[in-house]
Amino acid sequence: MAIGEFIKSGDWKGEKHVPVIEAPDIVEAGKSFMIEVSVGKEIPHPNTIEHHIKWVDLYFKPDDGQFLVHLGHVEFTPVLADPHTTLSVKLEKSGTLLAISYCNLHGLWENTKTISVK
């Protein structure tokens, strides 16, 4: 059994648990840019004590790399916080951003975004 068997994905426009990654398609090497990660962009997630997004993680996998680089982890307080965060990042290589969110009732959810570095 592998953890990947428990990670779900879907179209964030129709599924409130999928993390949405918003970042430029092309960035300059070594120059800071902003990445936004949110859950419930089109269909708001309830965020109650009983049903909430607990955290999101953001990773980067360089095209020529074998491993993920962990860019950030954000924990949310149920009810009081919207599951939305912004990170400032510098990349040297093109690759794929990967976000994972955790819902206390519905488990792990993922989404990806390709990013080019010039």
N, C-alpha and C. Protein backbone atom coordinates (compact mmCIF):
# COMPACT_ATOMS: atom_id res chain seq x y z
N MET A 1 0.85 -1.17 0.00
CA MET A 1 0.00 0.00 0.00
C MET A 1 0.90 1.24 0.00
N ALA A 2 0.58 2.20 -0.86
CA ALA A 2 1.35 3.44 -0.97
C ALA A 2 0.44 4.63 -0.71
N ILE A 3 1.01 5.70 -0.19
CA ILE A 3 0.20 6.89 0.13
C ILE A 3 -0.50 7.43 -1.11
N GLY A 4 0.13 7.29 -2.28
CA GLY A 4 -0.47 7.77 -3.52
C GLY A 4 -1.84 7.18 -3.80
N GLU A 5 -2.12 6.00 -3.26
CA GLU A 5 -3.42 5.36 -3.46
C GLU A 5 -4.54 6.14 -2.76
N PHE A 6 -4.18 7.01 -1.82
CA PHE A 6 -5.17 7.73 -1.04
C PHE A 6 -5.31 9.20 -1.43
N ILE A 7 -4.53 9.64 -2.41
CA ILE A 7 -4.58 11.04 -2.85
C ILE A 7 -5.54 11.14 -4.03
N LYS A 8 -6.53 12.01 -3.89
CA LYS A 8 -7.54 12.19 -4.93
C LYS A 8 -7.25 13.46 -5.72
N SER A 9 -7.77 13.51 -6.93
CA SER A 9 -7.65 14.72 -7.73
C SER A 9 -8.97 14.94 -8.46
N GLY A 10 -9.10 16.07 -9.08
CA GLY A 10 -10.32 16.38 -9.81
C GLY A 10 -10.23 17.76 -10.39
N ASP A 11 -11.27 18.19 -11.04
CA ASP A 11 -11.35 19.53 -11.61
C ASP A 11 -11.77 20.49 -10.50
N TRP A 12 -10.91 21.45 -10.17
CA TRP A 12 -11.20 22.37 -9.07
C TRP A 12 -12.45 23.22 -9.30
N LYS A 13 -12.89 23.30 -10.55
CA LYS A 13 -14.09 24.08 -10.84
C LYS A 13 -15.36 23.35 -10.39
N GLY A 14 -15.25 22.04 -10.18
CA GLY A 14 -16.41 21.26 -9.76
C GLY A 14 -16.21 20.48 -8.48
N GLU A 15 -15.04 20.62 -7.85
CA GLU A 15 -14.74 19.87 -6.63
C GLU A 15 -14.10 20.81 -5.62
N LYS A 16 -14.75 20.99 -4.47
CA LYS A 16 -14.31 21.98 -3.49
C LYS A 16 -13.06 21.60 -2.71
N HIS A 17 -12.54 20.39 -2.85
CA HIS A 17 -11.37 19.95 -2.08
C HIS A 17 -10.04 20.08 -2.83
N VAL A 18 -10.09 20.29 -4.14
CA VAL A 18 -8.88 20.32 -4.96
C VAL A 18 -8.15 21.65 -4.77
N PRO A 19 -6.85 21.59 -4.43
CA PRO A 19 -6.09 22.85 -4.31
C PRO A 19 -5.89 23.49 -5.69
N VAL A 20 -6.03 24.80 -5.73
CA VAL A 20 -5.84 25.56 -6.97
C VAL A 20 -4.49 26.27 -6.86
N ILE A 21 -3.64 26.09 -7.87
CA ILE A 21 -2.33 26.74 -7.91
C ILE A 21 -2.41 27.88 -8.93
N GLU A 22 -2.18 29.10 -8.46
CA GLU A 22 -2.16 30.25 -9.37
C GLU A 22 -0.76 30.84 -9.35
N ALA A 23 -0.12 30.80 -10.52
CA ALA A 23 1.25 31.30 -10.69
C ALA A 23 1.44 31.62 -12.17
N PRO A 24 2.42 32.45 -12.48
CA PRO A 24 2.69 32.72 -13.90
C PRO A 24 3.08 31.43 -14.63
N ASP A 25 2.81 31.38 -15.91
CA ASP A 25 3.23 30.23 -16.71
C ASP A 25 4.73 30.25 -16.97
N ILE A 26 5.29 31.48 -17.07
CA ILE A 26 6.71 31.66 -17.35
C ILE A 26 7.28 32.66 -16.34
N VAL A 27 8.43 32.32 -15.74
CA VAL A 27 9.09 33.21 -14.79
C VAL A 27 10.57 33.34 -15.16
N GLU A 28 11.22 34.38 -14.60
CA GLU A 28 12.65 34.59 -14.82
C GLU A 28 13.45 33.79 -13.80
N ALA A 29 14.53 33.17 -14.25
CA ALA A 29 15.40 32.40 -13.36
C ALA A 29 15.93 33.30 -12.24
N GLY A 30 15.83 32.80 -11.00
CA GLY A 30 16.38 33.51 -9.86
C GLY A 30 15.61 34.73 -9.40
N LYS A 31 14.49 35.05 -10.05
CA LYS A 31 13.70 36.23 -9.68
C LYS A 31 12.45 35.78 -8.91
N SER A 32 12.18 36.45 -7.78
CA SER A 32 11.02 36.11 -6.95
C SER A 32 9.71 36.33 -7.71
N PHE A 33 8.77 35.43 -7.48
CA PHE A 33 7.41 35.57 -8.00
C PHE A 33 6.47 34.94 -6.98
N MET A 34 5.20 35.26 -7.11
CA MET A 34 4.20 34.80 -6.15
C MET A 34 3.44 33.58 -6.67
N ILE A 35 3.21 32.64 -5.75
CA ILE A 35 2.37 31.48 -6.02
C ILE A 35 1.24 31.51 -4.99
N GLU A 36 0.01 31.44 -5.48
CA GLU A 36 -1.15 31.36 -4.58
C GLU A 36 -1.69 29.95 -4.62
N VAL A 37 -2.00 29.41 -3.46
CA VAL A 37 -2.64 28.10 -3.35
C VAL A 37 -3.90 28.30 -2.52
N SER A 38 -5.03 27.84 -3.06
CA SER A 38 -6.29 27.97 -2.34
C SER A 38 -7.11 26.70 -2.54
N VAL A 39 -8.05 26.49 -1.65
CA VAL A 39 -8.97 25.37 -1.75
C VAL A 39 -10.37 25.95 -1.70
N GLY A 40 -11.22 25.53 -2.64
CA GLY A 40 -12.59 26.03 -2.68
C GLY A 40 -12.74 27.30 -3.48
N LYS A 41 -11.97 27.45 -4.54
CA LYS A 41 -12.02 28.68 -5.35
C LYS A 41 -13.38 28.89 -6.01
N GLU A 42 -13.93 27.88 -6.65
CA GLU A 42 -15.22 28.00 -7.33
C GLU A 42 -16.38 27.57 -6.43
N ILE A 43 -16.18 26.53 -5.65
CA ILE A 43 -17.20 26.04 -4.72
C ILE A 43 -16.59 26.15 -3.33
N PRO A 44 -17.02 27.12 -2.53
CA PRO A 44 -16.40 27.32 -1.22
C PRO A 44 -16.47 26.09 -0.32
N HIS A 45 -15.37 25.82 0.35
CA HIS A 45 -15.32 24.74 1.33
C HIS A 45 -15.91 25.28 2.63
N PRO A 46 -16.69 24.49 3.40
CA PRO A 46 -17.38 25.03 4.57
C PRO A 46 -16.48 25.55 5.69
N ASN A 47 -15.37 24.92 5.97
CA ASN A 47 -14.45 25.34 7.04
C ASN A 47 -15.14 25.56 8.37
N THR A 48 -15.69 24.48 8.88
CA THR A 48 -16.27 24.45 10.22
C THR A 48 -15.40 23.54 11.07
N ILE A 49 -15.65 23.53 12.35
CA ILE A 49 -14.90 22.63 13.23
C ILE A 49 -15.08 21.19 12.77
N GLU A 50 -16.27 20.84 12.31
CA GLU A 50 -16.58 19.47 11.90
C GLU A 50 -16.03 19.11 10.52
N HIS A 51 -15.86 20.08 9.65
CA HIS A 51 -15.45 19.81 8.25
C HIS A 51 -14.59 20.98 7.76
N HIS A 52 -13.28 20.73 7.63
CA HIS A 52 -12.38 21.83 7.27
C HIS A 52 -11.14 21.34 6.53
N ILE A 53 -10.49 22.28 5.86
CA ILE A 53 -9.18 22.04 5.27
C ILE A 53 -8.16 22.32 6.37
N LYS A 54 -7.40 21.31 6.72
CA LYS A 54 -6.44 21.43 7.83
C LYS A 54 -5.14 22.08 7.37
N TRP A 55 -4.64 21.69 6.17
CA TRP A 55 -3.37 22.22 5.70
C TRP A 55 -3.22 22.06 4.19
N VAL A 56 -2.25 22.80 3.63
CA VAL A 56 -1.80 22.60 2.25
C VAL A 56 -0.27 22.55 2.24
N ASP A 57 0.27 21.74 1.36
CA ASP A 57 1.70 21.67 1.10
C ASP A 57 1.94 22.02 -0.35
N LEU A 58 3.05 22.69 -0.64
CA LEU A 58 3.43 23.01 -2.00
C LEU A 58 4.82 22.46 -2.27
N TYR A 59 4.95 21.74 -3.39
CA TYR A 59 6.21 21.13 -3.80
C TYR A 59 6.56 21.58 -5.21
N PHE A 60 7.84 21.38 -5.57
CA PHE A 60 8.31 21.66 -6.93
C PHE A 60 9.16 20.48 -7.39
N LYS A 61 8.88 20.00 -8.60
CA LYS A 61 9.69 18.94 -9.20
C LYS A 61 10.33 19.50 -10.47
N PRO A 62 11.67 19.74 -10.42
CA PRO A 62 12.36 20.22 -11.63
C PRO A 62 12.24 19.18 -12.75
N ASP A 63 12.15 19.66 -13.99
CA ASP A 63 12.06 18.74 -15.13
C ASP A 63 13.23 17.76 -15.17
N ASP A 64 14.42 18.22 -14.79
CA ASP A 64 15.59 17.35 -14.85
C ASP A 64 15.93 16.72 -13.49
N GLY A 65 15.02 16.83 -12.54
CA GLY A 65 15.27 16.31 -11.19
C GLY A 65 14.52 15.03 -10.92
N GLN A 66 14.98 14.32 -9.93
CA GLN A 66 14.37 13.05 -9.56
C GLN A 66 13.45 13.19 -8.35
N PHE A 67 13.66 14.25 -7.55
CA PHE A 67 12.94 14.37 -6.29
C PHE A 67 12.15 15.67 -6.21
N LEU A 68 11.14 15.67 -5.32
CA LEU A 68 10.37 16.88 -5.03
C LEU A 68 11.13 17.78 -4.07
N VAL A 69 10.97 19.09 -4.25
CA VAL A 69 11.50 20.08 -3.32
C VAL A 69 10.28 20.65 -2.58
N HIS A 70 10.31 20.59 -1.26
CA HIS A 70 9.18 21.10 -0.46
C HIS A 70 9.31 22.61 -0.34
N LEU A 71 8.36 23.36 -0.90
CA LEU A 71 8.41 24.82 -0.89
C LEU A 71 7.70 25.44 0.31
N GLY A 72 6.68 24.77 0.83
CA GLY A 72 5.98 25.36 1.97
C GLY A 72 4.87 24.49 2.50
N HIS A 73 4.54 24.73 3.77
CA HIS A 73 3.45 24.04 4.46
C HIS A 73 2.69 25.10 5.25
N VAL A 74 1.36 25.13 5.07
CA VAL A 74 0.53 26.11 5.79
C VAL A 74 -0.60 25.37 6.47
N GLU A 75 -0.77 25.61 7.78
CA GLU A 75 -1.86 25.05 8.57
C GLU A 75 -2.94 26.11 8.71
N PHE A 76 -4.21 25.68 8.65
CA PHE A 76 -5.33 26.61 8.77
C PHE A 76 -6.12 26.32 10.05
N THR A 77 -6.62 27.39 10.67
CA THR A 77 -7.47 27.26 11.85
C THR A 77 -8.91 27.11 11.35
N PRO A 78 -9.59 26.02 11.69
CA PRO A 78 -10.97 25.85 11.21
C PRO A 78 -11.84 27.05 11.58
N VAL A 79 -12.77 27.34 10.72
CA VAL A 79 -13.77 28.40 10.85
C VAL A 79 -13.17 29.79 10.66
N LEU A 80 -12.06 30.10 11.27
CA LEU A 80 -11.51 31.45 11.23
C LEU A 80 -10.66 31.75 10.01
N ALA A 81 -10.14 30.74 9.36
CA ALA A 81 -9.23 30.98 8.24
C ALA A 81 -9.78 30.41 6.94
N ASP A 82 -9.64 31.17 5.87
CA ASP A 82 -9.91 30.64 4.53
C ASP A 82 -8.70 29.83 4.12
N PRO A 83 -8.90 28.69 3.46
CA PRO A 83 -7.75 27.90 3.02
C PRO A 83 -7.11 28.52 1.77
N HIS A 84 -6.33 29.57 2.02
CA HIS A 84 -5.69 30.33 0.95
C HIS A 84 -4.36 30.85 1.47
N THR A 85 -3.31 30.69 0.68
CA THR A 85 -2.00 31.19 1.09
C THR A 85 -1.22 31.66 -0.13
N THR A 86 -0.25 32.51 0.11
CA THR A 86 0.62 33.02 -0.95
C THR A 86 2.06 32.82 -0.52
N LEU A 87 2.87 32.31 -1.43
CA LEU A 87 4.30 32.12 -1.16
C LEU A 87 5.12 32.85 -2.22
N SER A 88 6.23 33.43 -1.80
CA SER A 88 7.18 34.05 -2.71
C SER A 88 8.29 33.04 -2.96
N VAL A 89 8.57 32.75 -4.23
CA VAL A 89 9.48 31.67 -4.59
C VAL A 89 10.45 32.15 -5.67
N LYS A 90 11.66 31.58 -5.67
CA LYS A 90 12.64 31.78 -6.75
C LYS A 90 12.98 30.40 -7.31
N LEU A 91 12.89 30.25 -8.63
CA LEU A 91 13.24 28.99 -9.27
C LEU A 91 14.38 29.22 -10.26
N GLU A 92 15.18 28.21 -10.46
CA GLU A 92 16.27 28.26 -11.42
C GLU A 92 16.00 27.38 -12.65
N LYS A 93 15.04 26.45 -12.52
CA LYS A 93 14.76 25.50 -13.59
C LYS A 93 13.26 25.36 -13.79
N SER A 94 12.88 24.95 -14.99
CA SER A 94 11.48 24.66 -15.29
C SER A 94 11.07 23.37 -14.61
N GLY A 95 9.76 23.23 -14.38
CA GLY A 95 9.28 22.01 -13.75
C GLY A 95 7.79 22.07 -13.47
N THR A 96 7.39 21.34 -12.45
CA THR A 96 5.99 21.22 -12.09
C THR A 96 5.78 21.56 -10.62
N LEU A 97 4.80 22.42 -10.37
CA LEU A 97 4.36 22.70 -9.00
C LEU A 97 3.30 21.67 -8.64
N LEU A 98 3.33 21.18 -7.42
CA LEU A 98 2.37 20.19 -6.94
C LEU A 98 1.85 20.64 -5.59
N ALA A 99 0.53 20.79 -5.48
CA ALA A 99 -0.10 21.17 -4.20
C ALA A 99 -0.91 19.99 -3.69
N ILE A 100 -0.85 19.79 -2.38
CA ILE A 100 -1.64 18.76 -1.72
C ILE A 100 -2.40 19.43 -0.57
N SER A 101 -3.70 19.16 -0.49
CA SER A 101 -4.50 19.68 0.62
C SER A 101 -5.07 18.50 1.41
N TYR A 102 -5.38 18.78 2.69
CA TYR A 102 -5.94 17.74 3.54
C TYR A 102 -7.25 18.21 4.16
N CYS A 103 -8.34 17.50 3.87
CA CYS A 103 -9.65 17.75 4.47
C CYS A 103 -9.85 16.72 5.57
N ASN A 104 -10.28 17.18 6.75
CA ASN A 104 -10.41 16.25 7.87
C ASN A 104 -11.45 15.16 7.62
N LEU A 105 -12.40 15.37 6.70
CA LEU A 105 -13.40 14.36 6.40
C LEU A 105 -13.14 13.59 5.09
N HIS A 106 -12.51 14.25 4.12
CA HIS A 106 -12.40 13.66 2.79
C HIS A 106 -10.97 13.38 2.34
N GLY A 107 -10.00 13.53 3.24
CA GLY A 107 -8.63 13.11 2.96
C GLY A 107 -7.80 14.04 2.12
N LEU A 108 -6.85 13.44 1.40
CA LEU A 108 -5.84 14.16 0.63
C LEU A 108 -6.29 14.41 -0.81
N TRP A 109 -5.97 15.62 -1.30
CA TRP A 109 -6.32 16.03 -2.66
C TRP A 109 -5.11 16.73 -3.28
N GLU A 110 -4.93 16.56 -4.60
CA GLU A 110 -3.77 17.16 -5.26
C GLU A 110 -4.14 17.86 -6.55
N ASN A 111 -3.20 18.71 -6.97
CA ASN A 111 -3.30 19.39 -8.25
C ASN A 111 -1.89 19.81 -8.67
N THR A 112 -1.67 20.00 -9.96
CA THR A 112 -0.34 20.38 -10.46
C THR A 112 -0.45 21.54 -11.43
N LYS A 113 0.68 22.19 -11.63
CA LYS A 113 0.80 23.27 -12.62
C LYS A 113 2.23 23.28 -13.14
N THR A 114 2.36 23.26 -14.45
CA THR A 114 3.68 23.34 -15.09
C THR A 114 4.12 24.79 -15.13
N ILE A 115 5.42 25.00 -14.90
CA ILE A 115 5.96 26.35 -14.91
C ILE A 115 7.29 26.35 -15.68
N SER A 116 7.47 27.33 -16.55
CA SER A 116 8.71 27.44 -17.35
C SER A 116 9.58 28.54 -16.79
N VAL A 117 10.87 28.29 -16.73
CA VAL A 117 11.84 29.27 -16.25
C VAL A 117 12.72 29.66 -17.43
N LYS A 118 12.82 30.97 -17.65
CA LYS A 118 13.63 31.51 -18.75
C LYS A 118 14.82 32.25 -18.22
